[in-house]
Amino acid sequence: MADDPLEFTKAEERELVEVAFRNGSITVIGIVVGFSLGFLSRWSALPGEWTHSDLVSVALITLGLLLQIKTLADLLLISCLELKRYNRSIWIFLTGLFLVGLGVLLAIFADVAGFRGIVLQG
């Protein structure tokens, strides 16, 4: 049966992610990216002067958002059906999500601590 073109050898076999599972991940990541973009665009439109704490927060949020967008782009590729690539993409997304959350928390704590950033003025 080695002549059967549909038969895979052990070297060609790969663990694959279910398409429906990947599609759900794409949906969730797309929604989170939308919320992150919305937060950043609303924050950038607020009137007032930016402080150093705002710039650090925006840098973290922007870096995290870029990682989230990279993950979304990676998950749209067919090659991301491979479990190894899918898992790597999910870790990149979680890193981006962590950075966005850290940036938001830093902005809130800086404002509460009296550095008077613009994040809570809107």
N, C-alpha and C. Protein backbone atom coordinates (compact mmCIF):
# COMPACT_ATOMS: atom_id res chain seq x y z
N MET A 1 0.80 -1.18 0.00
CA MET A 1 0.00 0.00 0.00
C MET A 1 0.85 1.26 0.00
N ALA A 2 2.14 1.12 -0.20
CA ALA A 2 3.01 2.29 -0.23
C ALA A 2 2.77 3.12 -1.48
N ASP A 3 2.10 2.54 -2.47
CA ASP A 3 1.83 3.28 -3.71
C ASP A 3 0.59 4.15 -3.60
N ASP A 4 -0.17 4.03 -2.53
CA ASP A 4 -1.38 4.82 -2.35
C ASP A 4 -1.00 6.28 -2.06
N PRO A 5 -1.38 7.25 -2.92
CA PRO A 5 -0.98 8.64 -2.70
C PRO A 5 -1.64 9.28 -1.48
N LEU A 6 -2.72 8.69 -0.99
CA LEU A 6 -3.40 9.26 0.16
C LEU A 6 -2.85 8.76 1.49
N GLU A 7 -1.96 7.80 1.42
CA GLU A 7 -1.39 7.25 2.64
C GLU A 7 -0.16 8.06 3.04
N PHE A 8 -0.13 8.53 4.28
CA PHE A 8 0.98 9.35 4.77
C PHE A 8 2.00 8.47 5.45
N THR A 9 3.26 8.82 5.26
CA THR A 9 4.30 8.14 6.02
C THR A 9 4.38 8.80 7.40
N LYS A 10 5.08 8.17 8.31
CA LYS A 10 5.20 8.71 9.66
C LYS A 10 5.84 10.11 9.64
N ALA A 11 6.78 10.36 8.74
CA ALA A 11 7.44 11.66 8.68
C ALA A 11 6.47 12.75 8.21
N GLU A 12 5.48 12.38 7.41
CA GLU A 12 4.55 13.36 6.87
C GLU A 12 3.37 13.62 7.79
N GLU A 13 3.12 12.70 8.73
CA GLU A 13 1.99 12.88 9.63
C GLU A 13 2.28 14.00 10.62
N ARG A 14 1.29 14.85 10.82
CA ARG A 14 1.42 15.95 11.76
C ARG A 14 0.14 16.04 12.57
N GLU A 15 0.30 16.51 13.80
CA GLU A 15 -0.88 16.76 14.61
C GLU A 15 -1.52 18.05 14.11
N LEU A 16 -2.81 18.00 13.85
CA LEU A 16 -3.52 19.16 13.33
C LEU A 16 -4.59 19.61 14.31
N VAL A 17 -4.89 20.88 14.27
CA VAL A 17 -5.94 21.47 15.08
C VAL A 17 -7.23 21.36 14.28
N GLU A 18 -8.33 21.08 14.97
CA GLU A 18 -9.62 21.07 14.30
C GLU A 18 -9.91 22.45 13.72
N VAL A 19 -10.44 22.48 12.52
CA VAL A 19 -10.73 23.74 11.85
C VAL A 19 -11.74 24.56 12.65
N ALA A 20 -12.76 23.91 13.19
CA ALA A 20 -13.78 24.63 13.97
C ALA A 20 -13.16 25.25 15.23
N PHE A 21 -12.23 24.55 15.85
CA PHE A 21 -11.56 25.07 17.04
C PHE A 21 -10.72 26.29 16.67
N ARG A 22 -9.98 26.20 15.57
CA ARG A 22 -9.17 27.33 15.12
C ARG A 22 -10.05 28.52 14.77
N ASN A 23 -11.19 28.27 14.12
CA ASN A 23 -12.09 29.36 13.76
C ASN A 23 -12.63 30.08 14.99
N GLY A 24 -12.92 29.34 16.05
CA GLY A 24 -13.35 29.96 17.30
C GLY A 24 -12.26 30.83 17.89
N SER A 25 -11.02 30.35 17.81
CA SER A 25 -9.89 31.14 18.32
C SER A 25 -9.73 32.42 17.51
N ILE A 26 -9.89 32.33 16.20
CA ILE A 26 -9.78 33.51 15.35
C ILE A 26 -10.85 34.53 15.73
N THR A 27 -12.06 34.05 16.00
CA THR A 27 -13.15 34.95 16.38
C THR A 27 -12.84 35.67 17.69
N VAL A 28 -12.42 34.92 18.68
CA VAL A 28 -12.12 35.51 19.99
C VAL A 28 -10.97 36.51 19.87
N ILE A 29 -9.92 36.14 19.18
CA ILE A 29 -8.77 37.03 19.04
C ILE A 29 -9.16 38.28 18.26
N GLY A 30 -9.99 38.13 17.24
CA GLY A 30 -10.46 39.29 16.48
C GLY A 30 -11.25 40.26 17.35
N ILE A 31 -12.09 39.73 18.22
CA ILE A 31 -12.87 40.58 19.12
C ILE A 31 -11.95 41.31 20.11
N VAL A 32 -10.99 40.60 20.67
CA VAL A 32 -10.06 41.22 21.63
C VAL A 32 -9.22 42.29 20.93
N VAL A 33 -8.78 42.02 19.71
CA VAL A 33 -8.02 43.02 18.96
C VAL A 33 -8.89 44.26 18.72
N GLY A 34 -10.16 44.05 18.41
CA GLY A 34 -11.07 45.18 18.22
C GLY A 34 -11.23 46.01 19.47
N PHE A 35 -11.38 45.37 20.61
CA PHE A 35 -11.47 46.10 21.88
C PHE A 35 -10.17 46.86 22.18
N SER A 36 -9.04 46.22 21.94
CA SER A 36 -7.76 46.87 22.21
C SER A 36 -7.57 48.09 21.30
N LEU A 37 -7.90 47.95 20.03
CA LEU A 37 -7.82 49.07 19.10
C LEU A 37 -8.77 50.20 19.51
N GLY A 38 -9.97 49.82 19.92
CA GLY A 38 -10.95 50.82 20.36
C GLY A 38 -10.48 51.58 21.58
N PHE A 39 -9.90 50.86 22.53
CA PHE A 39 -9.40 51.52 23.74
C PHE A 39 -8.28 52.49 23.39
N LEU A 40 -7.33 52.04 22.56
CA LEU A 40 -6.20 52.88 22.20
C LEU A 40 -6.64 54.10 21.39
N SER A 41 -7.58 53.92 20.48
CA SER A 41 -8.02 55.07 19.67
C SER A 41 -8.81 56.06 20.52
N ARG A 42 -9.61 55.58 21.44
CA ARG A 42 -10.36 56.49 22.31
C ARG A 42 -9.42 57.25 23.22
N TRP A 43 -8.44 56.56 23.75
CA TRP A 43 -7.48 57.18 24.65
C TRP A 43 -6.66 58.24 23.91
N SER A 44 -6.26 57.95 22.67
CA SER A 44 -5.45 58.91 21.93
C SER A 44 -6.24 60.16 21.56
N ALA A 45 -7.56 60.07 21.52
CA ALA A 45 -8.38 61.22 21.16
C ALA A 45 -8.75 62.10 22.35
N LEU A 46 -8.39 61.68 23.56
CA LEU A 46 -8.72 62.48 24.74
C LEU A 46 -7.93 63.78 24.77
N PRO A 47 -8.57 64.86 25.16
CA PRO A 47 -7.84 66.13 25.27
C PRO A 47 -6.94 66.12 26.50
N GLY A 48 -5.91 66.91 26.46
CA GLY A 48 -5.02 67.02 27.60
C GLY A 48 -3.59 66.70 27.22
N GLU A 49 -2.70 66.96 28.15
CA GLU A 49 -1.28 66.71 27.92
C GLU A 49 -0.91 65.30 28.37
N TRP A 50 -0.05 64.69 27.61
CA TRP A 50 0.42 63.35 27.94
C TRP A 50 1.58 63.46 28.93
N THR A 51 1.61 62.53 29.88
CA THR A 51 2.71 62.47 30.83
C THR A 51 3.61 61.29 30.47
N HIS A 52 4.71 61.17 31.19
CA HIS A 52 5.63 60.05 30.94
C HIS A 52 4.95 58.71 31.23
N SER A 53 4.11 58.67 32.25
CA SER A 53 3.42 57.42 32.55
C SER A 53 2.46 57.05 31.42
N ASP A 54 1.86 58.06 30.77
CA ASP A 54 1.00 57.78 29.62
C ASP A 54 1.80 57.16 28.49
N LEU A 55 2.99 57.68 28.25
CA LEU A 55 3.81 57.18 27.15
C LEU A 55 4.27 55.74 27.38
N VAL A 56 4.61 55.44 28.62
CA VAL A 56 5.00 54.06 28.95
C VAL A 56 3.80 53.13 28.76
N SER A 57 2.65 53.55 29.22
CA SER A 57 1.44 52.75 29.07
C SER A 57 1.09 52.54 27.61
N VAL A 58 1.16 53.60 26.83
CA VAL A 58 0.83 53.50 25.40
C VAL A 58 1.83 52.60 24.69
N ALA A 59 3.10 52.67 25.08
CA ALA A 59 4.10 51.79 24.47
C ALA A 59 3.78 50.33 24.74
N LEU A 60 3.41 50.01 25.98
CA LEU A 60 3.05 48.62 26.33
C LEU A 60 1.80 48.17 25.58
N ILE A 61 0.80 49.04 25.55
CA ILE A 61 -0.45 48.70 24.86
C ILE A 61 -0.21 48.51 23.37
N THR A 62 0.58 49.38 22.77
CA THR A 62 0.86 49.28 21.34
C THR A 62 1.64 48.01 21.02
N LEU A 63 2.64 47.69 21.81
CA LEU A 63 3.41 46.46 21.60
C LEU A 63 2.50 45.24 21.74
N GLY A 64 1.67 45.23 22.77
CA GLY A 64 0.75 44.12 22.96
C GLY A 64 -0.24 44.01 21.82
N LEU A 65 -0.72 45.13 21.33
CA LEU A 65 -1.66 45.14 20.21
C LEU A 65 -1.00 44.61 18.94
N LEU A 66 0.24 44.98 18.71
CA LEU A 66 0.96 44.46 17.54
C LEU A 66 1.12 42.94 17.62
N LEU A 67 1.39 42.42 18.81
CA LEU A 67 1.49 40.96 18.97
C LEU A 67 0.14 40.29 18.74
N GLN A 68 -0.93 40.93 19.19
CA GLN A 68 -2.27 40.38 18.95
C GLN A 68 -2.59 40.35 17.46
N ILE A 69 -2.26 41.41 16.75
CA ILE A 69 -2.52 41.47 15.31
C ILE A 69 -1.67 40.44 14.57
N LYS A 70 -0.41 40.27 15.01
CA LYS A 70 0.44 39.25 14.40
C LYS A 70 -0.17 37.87 14.57
N THR A 71 -0.69 37.61 15.76
CA THR A 71 -1.33 36.32 16.02
C THR A 71 -2.53 36.12 15.10
N LEU A 72 -3.35 37.14 14.96
CA LEU A 72 -4.51 37.04 14.09
C LEU A 72 -4.08 36.75 12.65
N ALA A 73 -3.05 37.43 12.19
CA ALA A 73 -2.55 37.18 10.83
C ALA A 73 -2.00 35.76 10.71
N ASP A 74 -1.29 35.29 11.72
CA ASP A 74 -0.74 33.92 11.69
C ASP A 74 -1.85 32.88 11.66
N LEU A 75 -2.91 33.09 12.45
CA LEU A 75 -3.98 32.10 12.53
C LEU A 75 -4.79 32.03 11.23
N LEU A 76 -4.72 33.06 10.41
CA LEU A 76 -5.43 33.03 9.13
C LEU A 76 -4.71 32.21 8.07
N LEU A 77 -3.47 31.83 8.34
CA LEU A 77 -2.71 31.01 7.40
C LEU A 77 -3.09 29.54 7.55
N ILE A 78 -3.11 28.82 6.46
CA ILE A 78 -3.41 27.38 6.49
C ILE A 78 -2.39 26.63 7.32
N SER A 79 -1.13 27.05 7.28
CA SER A 79 -0.08 26.35 8.02
C SER A 79 -0.31 26.37 9.53
N CYS A 80 -1.18 27.26 9.99
CA CYS A 80 -1.45 27.34 11.42
C CYS A 80 -2.38 26.22 11.90
N LEU A 81 -2.81 25.37 10.99
CA LEU A 81 -3.58 24.20 11.40
C LEU A 81 -2.68 23.18 12.10
N GLU A 82 -1.36 23.30 11.91
CA GLU A 82 -0.43 22.43 12.61
C GLU A 82 -0.43 22.82 14.09
N LEU A 83 -0.54 21.85 14.95
CA LEU A 83 -0.67 22.08 16.39
C LEU A 83 0.50 22.90 16.95
N LYS A 84 1.70 22.61 16.49
CA LYS A 84 2.89 23.32 16.98
C LYS A 84 2.80 24.81 16.65
N ARG A 85 2.44 25.15 15.42
CA ARG A 85 2.32 26.56 15.02
C ARG A 85 1.13 27.23 15.71
N TYR A 86 0.05 26.50 15.86
CA TYR A 86 -1.14 27.04 16.53
C TYR A 86 -0.80 27.40 17.97
N ASN A 87 -0.15 26.47 18.69
CA ASN A 87 0.22 26.73 20.09
C ASN A 87 1.17 27.91 20.21
N ARG A 88 2.12 28.04 19.28
CA ARG A 88 3.04 29.18 19.30
C ARG A 88 2.27 30.48 19.10
N SER A 89 1.32 30.48 18.20
CA SER A 89 0.52 31.68 17.95
C SER A 89 -0.31 32.06 19.18
N ILE A 90 -0.86 31.07 19.84
CA ILE A 90 -1.65 31.35 21.04
C ILE A 90 -0.78 31.96 22.14
N TRP A 91 0.45 31.48 22.29
CA TRP A 91 1.35 32.06 23.30
C TRP A 91 1.71 33.50 22.95
N ILE A 92 1.89 33.78 21.66
CA ILE A 92 2.17 35.16 21.24
C ILE A 92 0.97 36.04 21.57
N PHE A 93 -0.24 35.53 21.31
CA PHE A 93 -1.45 36.30 21.63
C PHE A 93 -1.55 36.56 23.12
N LEU A 94 -1.32 35.55 23.94
CA LEU A 94 -1.41 35.72 25.39
C LEU A 94 -0.37 36.71 25.90
N THR A 95 0.81 36.72 25.30
CA THR A 95 1.82 37.71 25.65
C THR A 95 1.33 39.11 25.31
N GLY A 96 0.75 39.26 24.13
CA GLY A 96 0.19 40.55 23.73
C GLY A 96 -0.94 40.99 24.64
N LEU A 97 -1.80 40.06 25.00
CA LEU A 97 -2.91 40.37 25.90
C LEU A 97 -2.39 40.81 27.27
N PHE A 98 -1.37 40.14 27.75
CA PHE A 98 -0.76 40.50 29.03
C PHE A 98 -0.17 41.92 28.96
N LEU A 99 0.51 42.25 27.86
CA LEU A 99 1.11 43.58 27.73
C LEU A 99 0.05 44.67 27.67
N VAL A 100 -1.03 44.41 26.95
CA VAL A 100 -2.12 45.39 26.89
C VAL A 100 -2.71 45.60 28.29
N GLY A 101 -2.98 44.50 28.98
CA GLY A 101 -3.51 44.60 30.34
C GLY A 101 -2.56 45.31 31.28
N LEU A 102 -1.27 45.04 31.15
CA LEU A 102 -0.27 45.69 31.99
C LEU A 102 -0.23 47.20 31.70
N GLY A 103 -0.31 47.56 30.44
CA GLY A 103 -0.32 48.98 30.08
C GLY A 103 -1.53 49.70 30.64
N VAL A 104 -2.69 49.07 30.57
CA VAL A 104 -3.91 49.68 31.10
C VAL A 104 -3.81 49.81 32.62
N LEU A 105 -3.37 48.76 33.30
CA LEU A 105 -3.22 48.82 34.76
C LEU A 105 -2.20 49.87 35.19
N LEU A 106 -1.10 49.97 34.45
CA LEU A 106 -0.10 50.98 34.76
C LEU A 106 -0.68 52.39 34.63
N ALA A 107 -1.47 52.60 33.59
CA ALA A 107 -2.09 53.92 33.39
C ALA A 107 -3.06 54.24 34.53
N ILE A 108 -3.84 53.26 34.93
CA ILE A 108 -4.80 53.48 36.01
C ILE A 108 -4.09 53.76 37.33
N PHE A 109 -3.08 52.94 37.66
CA PHE A 109 -2.36 53.15 38.92
C PHE A 109 -1.58 54.46 38.92
N ALA A 110 -1.03 54.86 37.77
CA ALA A 110 -0.32 56.14 37.68
C ALA A 110 -1.29 57.29 37.92
N ASP A 111 -2.49 57.17 37.39
CA ASP A 111 -3.47 58.23 37.59
C ASP A 111 -3.93 58.28 39.04
N VAL A 112 -4.15 57.13 39.63
CA VAL A 112 -4.58 57.08 41.03
C VAL A 112 -3.47 57.59 41.95
N ALA A 113 -2.20 57.33 41.57
CA ALA A 113 -1.06 57.76 42.39
C ALA A 113 -0.78 59.25 42.25
N GLY A 114 -1.48 59.91 41.36
CA GLY A 114 -1.33 61.36 41.27
C GLY A 114 -0.44 61.86 40.16
N PHE A 115 -0.07 61.00 39.21
CA PHE A 115 0.76 61.45 38.10
C PHE A 115 -0.06 62.19 37.05
N ARG A 116 -1.36 62.19 37.21
CA ARG A 116 -2.30 62.93 36.37
C ARG A 116 -2.16 62.66 34.89
N GLY A 117 -2.22 61.40 34.53
CA GLY A 117 -2.27 61.06 33.12
C GLY A 117 -3.66 61.36 32.57
N ILE A 118 -3.86 61.14 31.30
CA ILE A 118 -5.14 61.48 30.69
C ILE A 118 -6.09 60.30 30.61
N VAL A 119 -5.69 59.12 31.06
CA VAL A 119 -6.49 57.93 30.84
C VAL A 119 -7.84 57.99 31.54
N LEU A 120 -7.93 58.52 32.73
CA LEU A 120 -9.19 58.51 33.46
C LEU A 120 -9.96 59.82 33.34
N GLN A 121 -9.48 60.74 32.53
CA GLN A 121 -10.15 62.02 32.39
C GLN A 121 -11.28 61.97 31.37
N GLY A 122 -11.33 60.93 30.54
CA GLY A 122 -12.36 60.86 29.49
C GLY A 122 -13.56 60.29 29.99
